Amino acid sequence: MSEVKKKLAVIVPGMGYHKDKPLLYYAAKLAAAKGYERVWVEFHDLPMFDKKNPALIQKAGEMTTEQTEEQLAALDFDKYENVLFIGKSIGTATMAKYIADHGITAKQVWYTPVEQTASFGTRDAVAFIGDADPCSDVPSLIKTMEGMGISVHSYPDCNHSLECEDVDRNLEILRDVMQKTESYISLEGK
């Protein structure tokens, strides 16, 4: 009898974009369907995001990093053959930093990453961003991510939730994002 390969998915939210929101909810379901155990990080008491206030962004980043460290402290990543992190917004930067700081080999799914996400030397990731995302300099961030070898999927006229004004289009975008996410998750040992 062959040993079952252990897999772990860590889901890291954004500010106000929690595990019950569509991108994270369905991505977690996909991970479970692929045999991943799931662990959710949850943030609390964060300041409101203000792109024009670097001190506030820094404070939020420090808080999400601290809360992630606390919540994942008991995990033994070495017992998993495959580790996957799925994050949204500030959660993408937090998880990329966590992975780099701890030397974890992990695949990463970045939903609407913030600019700081690209500063941790990540190579194995897929990113999804709306070109009308007010939280980042989208053209610059896309160029940076593509330069890192990260597969980037951009959605016209979509905001920081990967949504636009048209509900039917939002559902099509969500389906597209989940299909691409599933394809990425399915690439074992990439």
C-alpha atoms as a PDB file:
ATOM      1  CA  MET A   1       0.000   0.000   0.000  1.00  0.00           C
ATOM      2  CA  SER A   2       1.455   3.355  -0.989  1.00  0.00           C
ATOM      3  CA  GLU A   3       1.676   6.190   1.510  1.00  0.00           C
ATOM      4  CA  VAL A   4      -0.733   9.066   0.980  1.00  0.00           C
ATOM      5  CA  LYS A   5       1.084  12.288   0.150  1.00  0.00           C
ATOM      6  CA  LYS A   6       0.208  14.941   2.703  1.00  0.00           C
ATOM      7  CA  LYS A   7      -0.783  18.320   1.347  1.00  0.00           C
ATOM      8  CA  LEU A   8      -1.451  21.571   3.152  1.00  0.00           C
ATOM      9  CA  ALA A   9      -3.221  24.716   1.937  1.00  0.00           C
ATOM     10  CA  VAL A  10      -2.918  27.878   4.024  1.00  0.00           C
ATOM     11  CA  ILE A  11      -5.502  30.527   3.188  1.00  0.00           C
ATOM     12  CA  VAL A  12      -4.543  34.105   4.084  1.00  0.00           C
ATOM     13  CA  PRO A  13      -7.245  36.792   3.828  1.00  0.00           C
ATOM     14  CA  GLY A  14      -7.148  40.448   2.953  1.00  0.00           C
ATOM     15  CA  MET A  15      -8.400  43.360   4.990  1.00  0.00           C
ATOM     16  CA  GLY A  16     -12.165  42.938   4.965  1.00  0.00           C
ATOM     17  CA  TYR A  17     -11.924  40.094   2.433  1.00  0.00           C
ATOM     18  CA  HIS A  18     -12.393  37.002   4.555  1.00  0.00           C
ATOM     19  CA  LYS A  19     -12.564  33.260   3.914  1.00  0.00           C
ATOM     20  CA  ASP A  20     -16.286  33.425   3.105  1.00  0.00           C
ATOM     21  CA  LYS A  21     -15.785  35.824   0.176  1.00  0.00           C
ATOM     22  CA  PRO A  22     -15.917  34.221  -3.295  1.00  0.00           C
ATOM     23  CA  LEU A  23     -12.228  34.073  -4.283  1.00  0.00           C
ATOM     24  CA  LEU A  24     -11.050  32.518  -1.029  1.00  0.00           C
ATOM     25  CA  TYR A  25     -14.166  30.423  -0.461  1.00  0.00           C
ATOM     26  CA  TYR A  26     -13.968  28.673  -3.829  1.00  0.00           C
ATOM     27  CA  ALA A  27     -10.175  28.421  -3.864  1.00  0.00           C
ATOM     28  CA  ALA A  28     -10.313  26.650  -0.499  1.00  0.00           C
ATOM     29  CA  LYS A  29     -12.952  24.290  -1.895  1.00  0.00           C
ATOM     30  CA  LEU A  30     -10.695  23.547  -4.891  1.00  0.00           C
ATOM     31  CA  ALA A  31      -7.763  22.834  -2.593  1.00  0.00           C
ATOM     32  CA  ALA A  32      -9.887  20.458  -0.499  1.00  0.00           C
ATOM     33  CA  ALA A  33     -11.052  18.675  -3.649  1.00  0.00           C
ATOM     34  CA  LYS A  34      -7.366  18.166  -4.552  1.00  0.00           C
ATOM     35  CA  GLY A  35      -6.707  16.538  -1.174  1.00  0.00           C
ATOM     36  CA  TYR A  36      -5.227  19.486   0.709  1.00  0.00           C
ATOM     37  CA  GLU A  37      -5.742  19.900   4.432  1.00  0.00           C
ATOM     38  CA  ARG A  38      -6.762  23.516   4.968  1.00  0.00           C
ATOM     39  CA  VAL A  39      -5.706  26.052   7.556  1.00  0.00           C
ATOM     40  CA  TRP A  40      -7.136  29.567   7.654  1.00  0.00           C
ATOM     41  CA  VAL A  41      -5.360  32.625   8.955  1.00  0.00           C
ATOM     42  CA  GLU A  42      -7.724  35.274  10.295  1.00  0.00           C
ATOM     43  CA  PHE A  43      -6.798  38.918  10.838  1.00  0.00           C
ATOM     44  CA  HIS A  44      -8.332  41.183  13.448  1.00  0.00           C
ATOM     45  CA  ASP A  45      -8.201  44.830  14.514  1.00  0.00           C
ATOM     46  CA  LEU A  46      -6.401  46.026  11.377  1.00  0.00           C
ATOM     47  CA  PRO A  47      -6.385  49.712  10.398  1.00  0.00           C
ATOM     48  CA  MET A  48      -8.338  50.679   7.300  1.00  0.00           C
ATOM     49  CA  PHE A  49      -6.249  50.546   4.111  1.00  0.00           C
ATOM     50  CA  ASP A  50      -5.169  53.882   2.697  1.00  0.00           C
ATOM     51  CA  LYS A  51      -2.779  53.712  -0.237  1.00  0.00           C
ATOM     52  CA  LYS A  52      -1.782  57.331   0.391  1.00  0.00           C
ATOM     53  CA  ASN A  53      -0.709  56.623   3.979  1.00  0.00           C
ATOM     54  CA  PRO A  54       2.558  54.590   3.983  1.00  0.00           C
ATOM     55  CA  ALA A  55       2.720  54.528   7.795  1.00  0.00           C
ATOM     56  CA  LEU A  56      -0.718  52.925   7.956  1.00  0.00           C
ATOM     57  CA  ILE A  57       0.209  50.386   5.283  1.00  0.00           C
ATOM     58  CA  GLN A  58       3.375  49.535   7.201  1.00  0.00           C
ATOM     59  CA  LYS A  59       1.414  49.152  10.456  1.00  0.00           C
ATOM     60  CA  ALA A  60      -1.125  46.857   8.782  1.00  0.00           C
ATOM     61  CA  GLY A  61       1.712  44.797   7.309  1.00  0.00           C
ATOM     62  CA  GLU A  62       3.363  44.447  10.716  1.00  0.00           C
ATOM     63  CA  MET A  63       0.074  43.390  12.273  1.00  0.00           C
ATOM     64  CA  THR A  64      -0.748  40.801   9.587  1.00  0.00           C
ATOM     65  CA  THR A  65       2.792  39.411   9.815  1.00  0.00           C
ATOM     66  CA  GLU A  66       2.562  39.112  13.603  1.00  0.00           C
ATOM     67  CA  GLN A  67      -0.883  37.513  13.498  1.00  0.00           C
ATOM     68  CA  THR A  68       0.211  35.050  10.812  1.00  0.00           C
ATOM     69  CA  GLU A  69       3.289  34.077  12.818  1.00  0.00           C
ATOM     70  CA  GLU A  70       1.132  33.464  15.895  1.00  0.00           C
ATOM     71  CA  GLN A  71      -1.507  31.440  14.069  1.00  0.00           C
ATOM     72  CA  LEU A  72       0.908  29.242  12.108  1.00  0.00           C
ATOM     73  CA  ALA A  73       3.461  28.716  14.897  1.00  0.00           C
ATOM     74  CA  ALA A  74       2.291  25.189  15.712  1.00  0.00           C
ATOM     75  CA  LEU A  75       2.347  23.953  12.098  1.00  0.00           C
ATOM     76  CA  ASP A  76       5.082  21.530  11.071  1.00  0.00           C
ATOM     77  CA  PHE A  77       5.478  22.277   7.378  1.00  0.00           C
ATOM     78  CA  ASP A  78       8.108  19.529   7.020  1.00  0.00           C
ATOM     79  CA  LYS A  79       5.463  16.822   7.361  1.00  0.00           C
ATOM     80  CA  TYR A  80       3.773  17.957   4.135  1.00  0.00           C
ATOM     81  CA  GLU A  81       5.001  16.994   0.700  1.00  0.00           C
ATOM     82  CA  ASN A  82       3.029  19.797  -0.974  1.00  0.00           C
ATOM     83  CA  VAL A  83       2.345  23.189   0.547  1.00  0.00           C
ATOM     84  CA  LEU A  84       0.094  25.762  -1.062  1.00  0.00           C
ATOM     85  CA  PHE A  85      -0.607  29.296   0.147  1.00  0.00           C
ATOM     86  CA  ILE A  86      -3.652  31.151  -1.181  1.00  0.00           C
ATOM     87  CA  GLY A  87      -3.922  34.830  -0.354  1.00  0.00           C
ATOM     88  CA  LYS A  88      -5.845  37.996  -1.038  1.00  0.00           C
ATOM     89  CA  SER A  89      -4.517  41.569  -1.104  1.00  0.00           C
ATOM     90  CA  ILE A  90      -2.326  42.300   1.932  1.00  0.00           C
ATOM     91  CA  GLY A  91      -2.500  38.577   2.666  1.00  0.00           C
ATOM     92  CA  THR A  92      -0.403  37.929  -0.461  1.00  0.00           C
ATOM     93  CA  ALA A  93       2.433  40.085   0.891  1.00  0.00           C
ATOM     94  CA  THR A  94       2.097  38.571   4.347  1.00  0.00           C
ATOM     95  CA  MET A  95       2.262  35.007   3.060  1.00  0.00           C
ATOM     96  CA  ALA A  96       5.125  35.709   0.635  1.00  0.00           C
ATOM     97  CA  LYS A  97       7.107  37.196   3.543  1.00  0.00           C
ATOM     98  CA  TYR A  98       6.211  34.269   5.816  1.00  0.00           C
ATOM     99  CA  ILE A  99       7.305  31.721   3.207  1.00  0.00           C
ATOM    100  CA  ALA A 100      10.584  33.570   2.577  1.00  0.00           C
ATOM    101  CA  ASP A 101      11.306  34.081   6.296  1.00  0.00           C
ATOM    102  CA  HIS A 102      10.722  30.409   7.084  1.00  0.00           C
ATOM    103  CA  GLY A 103      12.341  28.915   3.959  1.00  0.00           C
ATOM    104  CA  ILE A 104       9.186  27.016   3.040  1.00  0.00           C
ATOM    105  CA  THR A 105       8.874  25.463  -0.402  1.00  0.00           C
ATOM    106  CA  ALA A 106       5.353  26.388  -1.413  1.00  0.00           C
ATOM    107  CA  LYS A 107       3.215  27.281  -4.370  1.00  0.00           C
ATOM    108  CA  GLN A 108       1.355  30.568  -4.068  1.00  0.00           C
ATOM    109  CA  VAL A 109      -1.922  31.894  -5.435  1.00  0.00           C
ATOM    110  CA  TRP A 110      -2.092  35.686  -5.321  1.00  0.00           C
ATOM    111  CA  TYR A 111      -5.530  37.287  -5.621  1.00  0.00           C
ATOM    112  CA  THR A 112      -5.192  41.066  -6.161  1.00  0.00           C
ATOM    113  CA  PRO A 113      -1.657  41.276  -4.775  1.00  0.00           C
ATOM    114  CA  VAL A 114      -0.348  44.520  -3.332  1.00  0.00           C
ATOM    115  CA  GLU A 115       2.957  45.944  -4.531  1.00  0.00           C
ATOM    116  CA  GLN A 116       4.906  44.696  -1.499  1.00  0.00           C
ATOM    117  CA  THR A 117       4.073  41.108  -2.450  1.00  0.00           C
ATOM    118  CA  ALA A 118       6.657  41.148  -5.236  1.00  0.00           C
ATOM    119  CA  SER A 119       9.514  42.050  -2.880  1.00  0.00           C
ATOM    120  CA  PHE A 120      10.140  38.598  -1.388  1.00  0.00           C
ATOM    121  CA  GLY A 121      11.752  36.790  -4.330  1.00  0.00           C
ATOM    122  CA  THR A 122       8.849  34.471  -5.066  1.00  0.00           C
ATOM    123  CA  ARG A 123       9.187  32.289  -8.151  1.00  0.00           C
ATOM    124  CA  ASP A 124       6.350  29.753  -7.927  1.00  0.00           C
ATOM    125  CA  ALA A 125       3.131  31.754  -7.993  1.00  0.00           C
ATOM    126  CA  VAL A 126       0.160  32.705 -10.093  1.00  0.00           C
ATOM    127  CA  ALA A 127      -1.416  36.151  -9.802  1.00  0.00           C
ATOM    128  CA  PHE A 128      -4.847  37.578 -10.579  1.00  0.00           C
ATOM    129  CA  ILE A 129      -5.441  41.334 -10.688  1.00  0.00           C
ATOM    130  CA  GLY A 130      -7.973  43.801 -12.025  1.00  0.00           C
ATOM    131  CA  ASP A 131      -6.614  46.592 -14.192  1.00  0.00           C
ATOM    132  CA  ALA A 132      -8.817  49.077 -12.283  1.00  0.00           C
ATOM    133  CA  ASP A 133      -7.486  47.995  -8.887  1.00  0.00           C
ATOM    134  CA  PRO A 134      -7.020  51.216  -6.886  1.00  0.00           C
ATOM    135  CA  CYS A 135      -4.739  49.565  -4.309  1.00  0.00           C
ATOM    136  CA  SER A 136      -1.724  49.121  -6.608  1.00  0.00           C
ATOM    137  CA  ASP A 137       0.104  50.640  -9.539  1.00  0.00           C
ATOM    138  CA  VAL A 138      -1.220  47.814 -11.687  1.00  0.00           C
ATOM    139  CA  PRO A 139       0.941  48.239 -14.841  1.00  0.00           C
ATOM    140  CA  SER A 140       4.117  48.476 -12.758  1.00  0.00           C
ATOM    141  CA  LEU A 141       3.143  45.517 -10.566  1.00  0.00           C
ATOM    142  CA  ILE A 142       2.282  43.349 -13.580  1.00  0.00           C
ATOM    143  CA  LYS A 143       5.634  44.183 -15.184  1.00  0.00           C
ATOM    144  CA  THR A 144       7.460  43.315 -11.957  1.00  0.00           C
ATOM    145  CA  MET A 145       5.614  40.027 -11.486  1.00  0.00           C
ATOM    146  CA  GLU A 146       6.116  38.975 -15.101  1.00  0.00           C
ATOM    147  CA  GLY A 147       9.819  39.824 -14.724  1.00  0.00           C
ATOM    148  CA  MET A 148       9.901  37.392 -11.799  1.00  0.00           C
ATOM    149  CA  GLY A 149       8.457  34.654 -14.005  1.00  0.00           C
ATOM    150  CA  ILE A 150       5.066  34.734 -12.315  1.00  0.00           C
ATOM    151  CA  SER A 151       2.035  33.988 -14.448  1.00  0.00           C
ATOM    152  CA  VAL A 152      -0.236  37.037 -14.254  1.00  0.00           C
ATOM    153  CA  HIS A 153      -3.897  37.161 -15.261  1.00  0.00           C
ATOM    154  CA  SER A 154      -5.338  40.669 -15.593  1.00  0.00           C
ATOM    155  CA  TYR A 155      -9.035  41.453 -15.843  1.00  0.00           C
ATOM    156  CA  PRO A 156     -10.173  44.649 -17.638  1.00  0.00           C
ATOM    157  CA  ASP A 157     -12.225  47.166 -15.650  1.00  0.00           C
ATOM    158  CA  CYS A 158     -12.087  45.041 -12.476  1.00  0.00           C
ATOM    159  CA  ASN A 159     -11.491  46.432  -9.012  1.00  0.00           C
ATOM    160  CA  HIS A 160      -9.649  45.109  -5.936  1.00  0.00           C
ATOM    161  CA  SER A 161     -12.240  42.342  -5.536  1.00  0.00           C
ATOM    162  CA  LEU A 162     -11.841  41.307  -9.201  1.00  0.00           C
ATOM    163  CA  GLU A 163     -15.304  42.663  -9.850  1.00  0.00           C
ATOM    164  CA  CYS A 164     -16.841  45.145 -12.255  1.00  0.00           C
ATOM    165  CA  GLU A 165     -20.297  46.693 -12.642  1.00  0.00           C
ATOM    166  CA  ASP A 166     -21.865  43.714 -14.459  1.00  0.00           C
ATOM    167  CA  VAL A 167     -22.946  40.790 -12.247  1.00  0.00           C
ATOM    168  CA  ASP A 168     -22.973  38.256 -15.102  1.00  0.00           C
ATOM    169  CA  ARG A 169     -19.447  39.262 -16.066  1.00  0.00           C
ATOM    170  CA  ASN A 170     -18.379  38.938 -12.424  1.00  0.00           C
ATOM    171  CA  LEU A 171     -19.600  35.351 -12.413  1.00  0.00           C
ATOM    172  CA  GLU A 172     -17.700  34.654 -15.657  1.00  0.00           C
ATOM    173  CA  ILE A 173     -14.552  36.184 -14.160  1.00  0.00           C
ATOM    174  CA  LEU A 174     -14.918  34.135 -10.986  1.00  0.00           C
ATOM    175  CA  ARG A 175     -15.277  30.951 -13.044  1.00  0.00           C
ATOM    176  CA  ASP A 176     -12.213  31.871 -15.130  1.00  0.00           C
ATOM    177  CA  VAL A 177     -10.143  32.651 -12.029  1.00  0.00           C
ATOM    178  CA  MET A 178     -11.149  29.365 -10.393  1.00  0.00           C
ATOM    179  CA  GLN A 179     -10.382  27.346 -13.543  1.00  0.00           C
ATOM    180  CA  LYS A 180      -6.918  28.928 -13.734  1.00  0.00           C
ATOM    181  CA  THR A 181      -6.427  28.426 -10.000  1.00  0.00           C
ATOM    182  CA  GLU A 182      -7.380  24.747 -10.301  1.00  0.00           C
ATOM    183  CA  SER A 183      -4.964  24.289 -13.207  1.00  0.00           C
ATOM    184  CA  TYR A 184      -2.150  25.845 -11.173  1.00  0.00           C
ATOM    185  CA  ILE A 185      -2.953  23.777  -8.063  1.00  0.00           C
ATOM    186  CA  SER A 186      -3.002  20.621 -10.209  1.00  0.00           C
ATOM    187  CA  LEU A 187       0.574  21.167 -11.406  1.00  0.00           C
ATOM    188  CA  GLU A 188       2.260  18.935  -8.801  1.00  0.00           C
ATOM    189  CA  GLY A 189       5.926  19.573  -8.214  1.00  0.00           C
ATOM    190  CA  LYS A 190       6.070  22.522 -10.577  1.00  0.00           C
END
